[in-house]
Amino acid sequence: MNKKKYVYWQDENMWLGYLSEFPDYMTQGDSLDELKENLKDIYYELSSGIIPCVRRVDELEVA
């Protein structure tokens, strides 16, 4: 199972969030479960290569 970190918060009646790897692409849901499903959908779209010029965050090791 592949796990991805995400950031989320509740704003009034909506749940908002984004994947840590793709912070430019936010999604929302009426519930936390719906938000999680939307985050899965956006992950597959962003990592499939269908969307051009996707910006990502990664970590670089320097000595």
PDB file of N, CA and C in Angstrom:
ATOM      1  N   MET A   1       0.846  -1.190   0.000  1.00  0.00           N
ATOM      2  CA  MET A   1       0.000   0.000   0.000  1.00  0.00           C
ATOM      3  C   MET A   1       0.882   1.240   0.000  1.00  0.00           C
ATOM      4  N   ASN A   2       0.599   2.141  -0.881  1.00  0.00           N
ATOM      5  CA  ASN A   2       1.343   3.386  -1.029  1.00  0.00           C
ATOM      6  C   ASN A   2       0.674   4.466  -0.167  1.00  0.00           C
ATOM      7  N   LYS A   3       1.426   5.095   0.720  1.00  0.00           N
ATOM      8  CA  LYS A   3       0.872   6.143   1.582  1.00  0.00           C
ATOM      9  C   LYS A   3       1.412   7.499   1.172  1.00  0.00           C
ATOM     10  N   LYS A   4       0.554   8.502   1.224  1.00  0.00           N
ATOM     11  CA  LYS A   4       0.930   9.875   0.902  1.00  0.00           C
ATOM     12  C   LYS A   4       0.508  10.786   2.049  1.00  0.00           C
ATOM     13  N   LYS A   5       1.367  11.724   2.399  1.00  0.00           N
ATOM     14  CA  LYS A   5       1.025  12.700   3.439  1.00  0.00           C
ATOM     15  C   LYS A   5       0.158  13.795   2.844  1.00  0.00           C
ATOM     16  N   TYR A   6      -0.767  14.294   3.656  1.00  0.00           N
ATOM     17  CA  TYR A   6      -1.624  15.385   3.205  1.00  0.00           C
ATOM     18  C   TYR A   6      -1.879  16.350   4.354  1.00  0.00           C
ATOM     19  N   VAL A   7      -2.219  17.577   3.998  1.00  0.00           N
ATOM     20  CA  VAL A   7      -2.537  18.636   4.946  1.00  0.00           C
ATOM     21  C   VAL A   7      -4.021  18.920   4.794  1.00  0.00           C
ATOM     22  N   TYR A   8      -4.731  19.046   5.914  1.00  0.00           N
ATOM     23  CA  TYR A   8      -6.166  19.310   5.822  1.00  0.00           C
ATOM     24  C   TYR A   8      -6.636  20.184   6.970  1.00  0.00           C
ATOM     25  N   TRP A   9      -7.788  20.833   6.756  1.00  0.00           N
ATOM     26  CA  TRP A   9      -8.404  21.672   7.777  1.00  0.00           C
ATOM     27  C   TRP A   9      -9.875  21.836   7.448  1.00  0.00           C
ATOM     28  N   GLN A  10     -10.624  22.227   8.461  1.00  0.00           N
ATOM     29  CA  GLN A  10     -12.051  22.472   8.273  1.00  0.00           C
ATOM     30  C   GLN A  10     -12.298  23.971   8.257  1.00  0.00           C
ATOM     31  N   ASP A  11     -13.035  24.437   7.261  1.00  0.00           N
ATOM     32  CA  ASP A  11     -13.410  25.844   7.135  1.00  0.00           C
ATOM     33  C   ASP A  11     -14.935  25.885   7.072  1.00  0.00           C
ATOM     34  N   GLU A  12     -15.528  26.253   8.176  1.00  0.00           N
ATOM     35  CA  GLU A  12     -16.988  26.210   8.342  1.00  0.00           C
ATOM     36  C   GLU A  12     -17.471  24.793   8.065  1.00  0.00           C
ATOM     37  N   ASN A  13     -18.266  24.562   7.026  1.00  0.00           N
ATOM     38  CA  ASN A  13     -18.821  23.229   6.771  1.00  0.00           C
ATOM     39  C   ASN A  13     -18.032  22.412   5.760  1.00  0.00           C
ATOM     40  N   MET A  14     -16.929  22.942   5.258  1.00  0.00           N
ATOM     41  CA  MET A  14     -16.145  22.252   4.230  1.00  0.00           C
ATOM     42  C   MET A  14     -14.803  21.777   4.794  1.00  0.00           C
ATOM     43  N   TRP A  15     -14.345  20.651   4.283  1.00  0.00           N
ATOM     44  CA  TRP A  15     -13.007  20.152   4.581  1.00  0.00           C
ATOM     45  C   TRP A  15     -12.131  20.447   3.373  1.00  0.00           C
ATOM     46  N   LEU A  16     -10.979  21.073   3.601  1.00  0.00           N
ATOM     47  CA  LEU A  16     -10.049  21.462   2.547  1.00  0.00           C
ATOM     48  C   LEU A  16      -8.720  20.757   2.766  1.00  0.00           C
ATOM     49  N   GLY A  17      -8.008  20.474   1.686  1.00  0.00           N
ATOM     50  CA  GLY A  17      -6.719  19.832   1.858  1.00  0.00           C
ATOM     51  C   GLY A  17      -5.939  19.725   0.567  1.00  0.00           C
ATOM     52  N   TYR A  18      -4.674  19.316   0.719  1.00  0.00           N
ATOM     53  CA  TYR A  18      -3.795  19.088  -0.423  1.00  0.00           C
ATOM     54  C   TYR A  18      -2.769  18.035  -0.041  1.00  0.00           C
ATOM     55  N   LEU A  19      -2.226  17.390  -1.046  1.00  0.00           N
ATOM     56  CA  LEU A  19      -1.169  16.409  -0.841  1.00  0.00           C
ATOM     57  C   LEU A  19       0.146  17.147  -0.623  1.00  0.00           C
ATOM     58  N   SER A  20       0.937  16.710   0.337  1.00  0.00           N
ATOM     59  CA  SER A  20       2.202  17.388   0.645  1.00  0.00           C
ATOM     60  C   SER A  20       3.122  17.431  -0.566  1.00  0.00           C
ATOM     61  N   GLU A  21       3.074  16.416  -1.393  1.00  0.00           N
ATOM     62  CA  GLU A  21       3.918  16.344  -2.585  1.00  0.00           C
ATOM     63  C   GLU A  21       3.472  17.333  -3.672  1.00  0.00           C
ATOM     64  N   PHE A  22       2.192  17.699  -3.657  1.00  0.00           N
ATOM     65  CA  PHE A  22       1.617  18.586  -4.668  1.00  0.00           C
ATOM     66  C   PHE A  22       0.872  19.747  -3.998  1.00  0.00           C
ATOM     67  N   PRO A  23       1.566  20.655  -3.333  1.00  0.00           N
ATOM     68  CA  PRO A  23       0.875  21.683  -2.548  1.00  0.00           C
ATOM     69  C   PRO A  23       0.100  22.715  -3.366  1.00  0.00           C
ATOM     70  N   ASP A  24       0.348  22.774  -4.675  1.00  0.00           N
ATOM     71  CA  ASP A  24      -0.360  23.745  -5.518  1.00  0.00           C
ATOM     72  C   ASP A  24      -1.768  23.292  -5.886  1.00  0.00           C
ATOM     73  N   TYR A  25      -2.121  22.043  -5.564  1.00  0.00           N
ATOM     74  CA  TYR A  25      -3.381  21.467  -6.031  1.00  0.00           C
ATOM     75  C   TYR A  25      -4.260  21.093  -4.838  1.00  0.00           C
ATOM     76  N   MET A  26      -5.156  21.989  -4.488  1.00  0.00           N
ATOM     77  CA  MET A  26      -6.020  21.810  -3.325  1.00  0.00           C
ATOM     78  C   MET A  26      -7.364  21.243  -3.766  1.00  0.00           C
ATOM     79  N   THR A  27      -7.998  20.489  -2.880  1.00  0.00           N
ATOM     80  CA  THR A  27      -9.331  19.962  -3.137  1.00  0.00           C
ATOM     81  C   THR A  27     -10.162  20.109  -1.869  1.00  0.00           C
ATOM     82  N   GLN A  28     -11.435  19.713  -1.938  1.00  0.00           N
ATOM     83  CA  GLN A  28     -12.337  19.894  -0.799  1.00  0.00           C
ATOM     84  C   GLN A  28     -13.347  18.765  -0.743  1.00  0.00           C
ATOM     85  N   GLY A  29     -14.073  18.709   0.376  1.00  0.00           N
ATOM     86  CA  GLY A  29     -15.136  17.724   0.539  1.00  0.00           C
ATOM     87  C   GLY A  29     -16.112  18.181   1.600  1.00  0.00           C
ATOM     88  N   ASP A  30     -17.320  17.644   1.542  1.00  0.00           N
ATOM     89  CA  ASP A  30     -18.337  17.955   2.556  1.00  0.00           C
ATOM     90  C   ASP A  30     -18.043  17.245   3.869  1.00  0.00           C
ATOM     91  N   SER A  31     -17.244  16.168   3.815  1.00  0.00           N
ATOM     92  CA  SER A  31     -16.841  15.421   5.007  1.00  0.00           C
ATOM     93  C   SER A  31     -15.360  15.080   4.872  1.00  0.00           C
ATOM     94  N   LEU A  32     -14.769  14.640   5.959  1.00  0.00           N
ATOM     95  CA  LEU A  32     -13.360  14.255   5.912  1.00  0.00           C
ATOM     96  C   LEU A  32     -13.172  13.048   5.000  1.00  0.00           C
ATOM     97  N   ASP A  33     -14.110  12.109   5.021  1.00  0.00           N
ATOM     98  CA  ASP A  33     -14.016  10.947   4.130  1.00  0.00           C
ATOM     99  C   ASP A  33     -14.098  11.348   2.666  1.00  0.00           C
ATOM    100  N   GLU A  34     -14.981  12.289   2.332  1.00  0.00           N
ATOM    101  CA  GLU A  34     -15.080  12.764   0.951  1.00  0.00           C
ATOM    102  C   GLU A  34     -13.796  13.473   0.538  1.00  0.00           C
ATOM    103  N   LEU A  35     -13.223  14.264   1.442  1.00  0.00           N
ATOM    104  CA  LEU A  35     -11.951  14.929   1.147  1.00  0.00           C
ATOM    105  C   LEU A  35     -10.878  13.898   0.830  1.00  0.00           C
ATOM    106  N   LYS A  36     -10.797  12.832   1.624  1.00  0.00           N
ATOM    107  CA  LYS A  36      -9.791  11.793   1.387  1.00  0.00           C
ATOM    108  C   LYS A  36      -9.976  11.143   0.019  1.00  0.00           C
ATOM    109  N   GLU A  37     -11.209  10.879  -0.368  1.00  0.00           N
ATOM    110  CA  GLU A  37     -11.475  10.305  -1.691  1.00  0.00           C
ATOM    111  C   GLU A  37     -11.061  11.279  -2.796  1.00  0.00           C
ATOM    112  N   ASN A  38     -11.342  12.564  -2.602  1.00  0.00           N
ATOM    113  CA  ASN A  38     -10.955  13.578  -3.590  1.00  0.00           C
ATOM    114  C   ASN A  38      -9.436  13.708  -3.682  1.00  0.00           C
ATOM    115  N   LEU A  39      -8.749  13.561  -2.545  1.00  0.00           N
ATOM    116  CA  LEU A  39      -7.284  13.604  -2.555  1.00  0.00           C
ATOM    117  C   LEU A  39      -6.714  12.412  -3.320  1.00  0.00           C
ATOM    118  N   LYS A  40      -7.332  11.244  -3.170  1.00  0.00           N
ATOM    119  CA  LYS A  40      -6.895  10.072  -3.935  1.00  0.00           C
ATOM    120  C   LYS A  40      -7.085  10.322  -5.429  1.00  0.00           C
ATOM    121  N   ASP A  41      -8.236  10.870  -5.796  1.00  0.00           N
ATOM    122  CA  ASP A  41      -8.516  11.158  -7.208  1.00  0.00           C
ATOM    123  C   ASP A  41      -7.494  12.128  -7.786  1.00  0.00           C
ATOM    124  N   ILE A  42      -7.217  13.201  -7.044  1.00  0.00           N
ATOM    125  CA  ILE A  42      -6.278  14.196  -7.557  1.00  0.00           C
ATOM    126  C   ILE A  42      -4.863  13.623  -7.619  1.00  0.00           C
ATOM    127  N   TYR A  43      -4.509  12.726  -6.705  1.00  0.00           N
ATOM    128  CA  TYR A  43      -3.192  12.085  -6.766  1.00  0.00           C
ATOM    129  C   TYR A  43      -3.047  11.297  -8.071  1.00  0.00           C
ATOM    130  N   TYR A  44      -4.049  10.495  -8.393  1.00  0.00           N
ATOM    131  CA  TYR A  44      -3.971   9.690  -9.617  1.00  0.00           C
ATOM    132  C   TYR A  44      -3.911  10.574 -10.862  1.00  0.00           C
ATOM    133  N   GLU A  45      -4.648  11.670 -10.858  1.00  0.00           N
ATOM    134  CA  GLU A  45      -4.611  12.591 -11.996  1.00  0.00           C
ATOM    135  C   GLU A  45      -3.245  13.255 -12.135  1.00  0.00           C
ATOM    136  N   LEU A  46      -2.685  13.709 -11.011  1.00  0.00           N
ATOM    137  CA  LEU A  46      -1.411  14.427 -11.054  1.00  0.00           C
ATOM    138  C   LEU A  46      -0.230  13.511 -11.342  1.00  0.00           C
ATOM    139  N   SER A  47      -0.284  12.279 -10.892  1.00  0.00           N
ATOM    140  CA  SER A  47       0.846  11.372 -11.077  1.00  0.00           C
ATOM    141  C   SER A  47       0.744  10.545 -12.361  1.00  0.00           C
ATOM    142  N   SER A  48      -0.349  10.656 -13.089  1.00  0.00           N
ATOM    143  CA  SER A  48      -0.547   9.850 -14.300  1.00  0.00           C
ATOM    144  C   SER A  48       0.222  10.378 -15.503  1.00  0.00           C
ATOM    145  N   GLY A  49       0.625  11.637 -15.477  1.00  0.00           N
ATOM    146  CA  GLY A  49       1.306  12.228 -16.616  1.00  0.00           C
ATOM    147  C   GLY A  49       0.357  12.889 -17.602  1.00  0.00           C
ATOM    148  N   ILE A  50      -0.928  12.815 -17.345  1.00  0.00           N
ATOM    149  CA  ILE A  50      -1.922  13.421 -18.237  1.00  0.00           C
ATOM    150  C   ILE A  50      -1.878  14.948 -18.138  1.00  0.00           C
ATOM    151  N   ILE A  51      -1.670  15.449 -16.938  1.00  0.00           N
ATOM    152  CA  ILE A  51      -1.631  16.892 -16.708  1.00  0.00           C
ATOM    153  C   ILE A  51      -0.195  17.372 -16.901  1.00  0.00           C
ATOM    154  N   PRO A  52       0.037  18.307 -17.824  1.00  0.00           N
ATOM    155  CA  PRO A  52       1.408  18.784 -18.070  1.00  0.00           C
ATOM    156  C   PRO A  52       1.877  19.768 -16.997  1.00  0.00           C
ATOM    157  N   CYS A  53       3.177  19.842 -16.826  1.00  0.00           N
ATOM    158  CA  CYS A  53       3.831  20.843 -15.968  1.00  0.00           C
ATOM    159  C   CYS A  53       3.365  20.803 -14.515  1.00  0.00           C
ATOM    160  N   VAL A  54       3.216  19.627 -13.949  1.00  0.00           N
ATOM    161  CA  VAL A  54       2.807  19.479 -12.550  1.00  0.00           C
ATOM    162  C   VAL A  54       3.985  19.831 -11.655  1.00  0.00           C
ATOM    163  N   ARG A  55       3.759  20.745 -10.720  1.00  0.00           N
ATOM    164  CA  ARG A  55       4.801  21.133  -9.775  1.00  0.00           C
ATOM    165  C   ARG A  55       4.742  20.218  -8.563  1.00  0.00           C
ATOM    166  N   ARG A  56       5.908  19.831  -8.058  1.00  0.00           N
ATOM    167  CA  ARG A  56       6.011  18.910  -6.924  1.00  0.00           C
ATOM    168  C   ARG A  56       6.959  19.469  -5.873  1.00  0.00           C
ATOM    169  N   VAL A  57       6.863  18.894  -4.689  1.00  0.00           N
ATOM    170  CA  VAL A  57       7.803  19.181  -3.615  1.00  0.00           C
ATOM    171  C   VAL A  57       8.546  17.881  -3.322  1.00  0.00           C
ATOM    172  N   ASP A  58       9.838  17.961  -3.144  1.00  0.00           N
ATOM    173  CA  ASP A  58      10.645  16.791  -2.827  1.00  0.00           C
ATOM    174  C   ASP A  58      11.716  17.199  -1.833  1.00  0.00           C
ATOM    175  N   GLU A  59      12.572  16.284  -1.486  1.00  0.00           N
ATOM    176  CA  GLU A  59      13.631  16.541  -0.513  1.00  0.00           C
ATOM    177  C   GLU A  59      14.961  16.249  -1.157  1.00  0.00           C
ATOM    178  N   LEU A  60      15.942  17.106  -0.930  1.00  0.00           N
ATOM    179  CA  LEU A  60      17.271  16.954  -1.499  1.00  0.00           C
ATOM    180  C   LEU A  60      18.263  16.805  -0.359  1.00  0.00           C
ATOM    181  N   GLU A  61      19.092  15.788  -0.452  1.00  0.00           N
ATOM    182  CA  GLU A  61      20.116  15.578   0.560  1.00  0.00           C
ATOM    183  C   GLU A  61      21.409  16.248   0.103  1.00  0.00           C
ATOM    184  N   VAL A  62      21.936  17.121   0.939  1.00  0.00           N
ATOM    185  CA  VAL A  62      23.213  17.770   0.649  1.00  0.00           C
ATOM    186  C   VAL A  62      24.175  17.482   1.782  1.00  0.00           C
ATOM    187  N   ALA A  63      25.424  17.324   1.441  1.00  0.00           N
ATOM    188  CA  ALA A  63      26.398  16.944   2.462  1.00  0.00           C
ATOM    189  C   ALA A  63      27.049  18.150   3.018  1.00  0.00           C
TER     190      ALA A  63
END
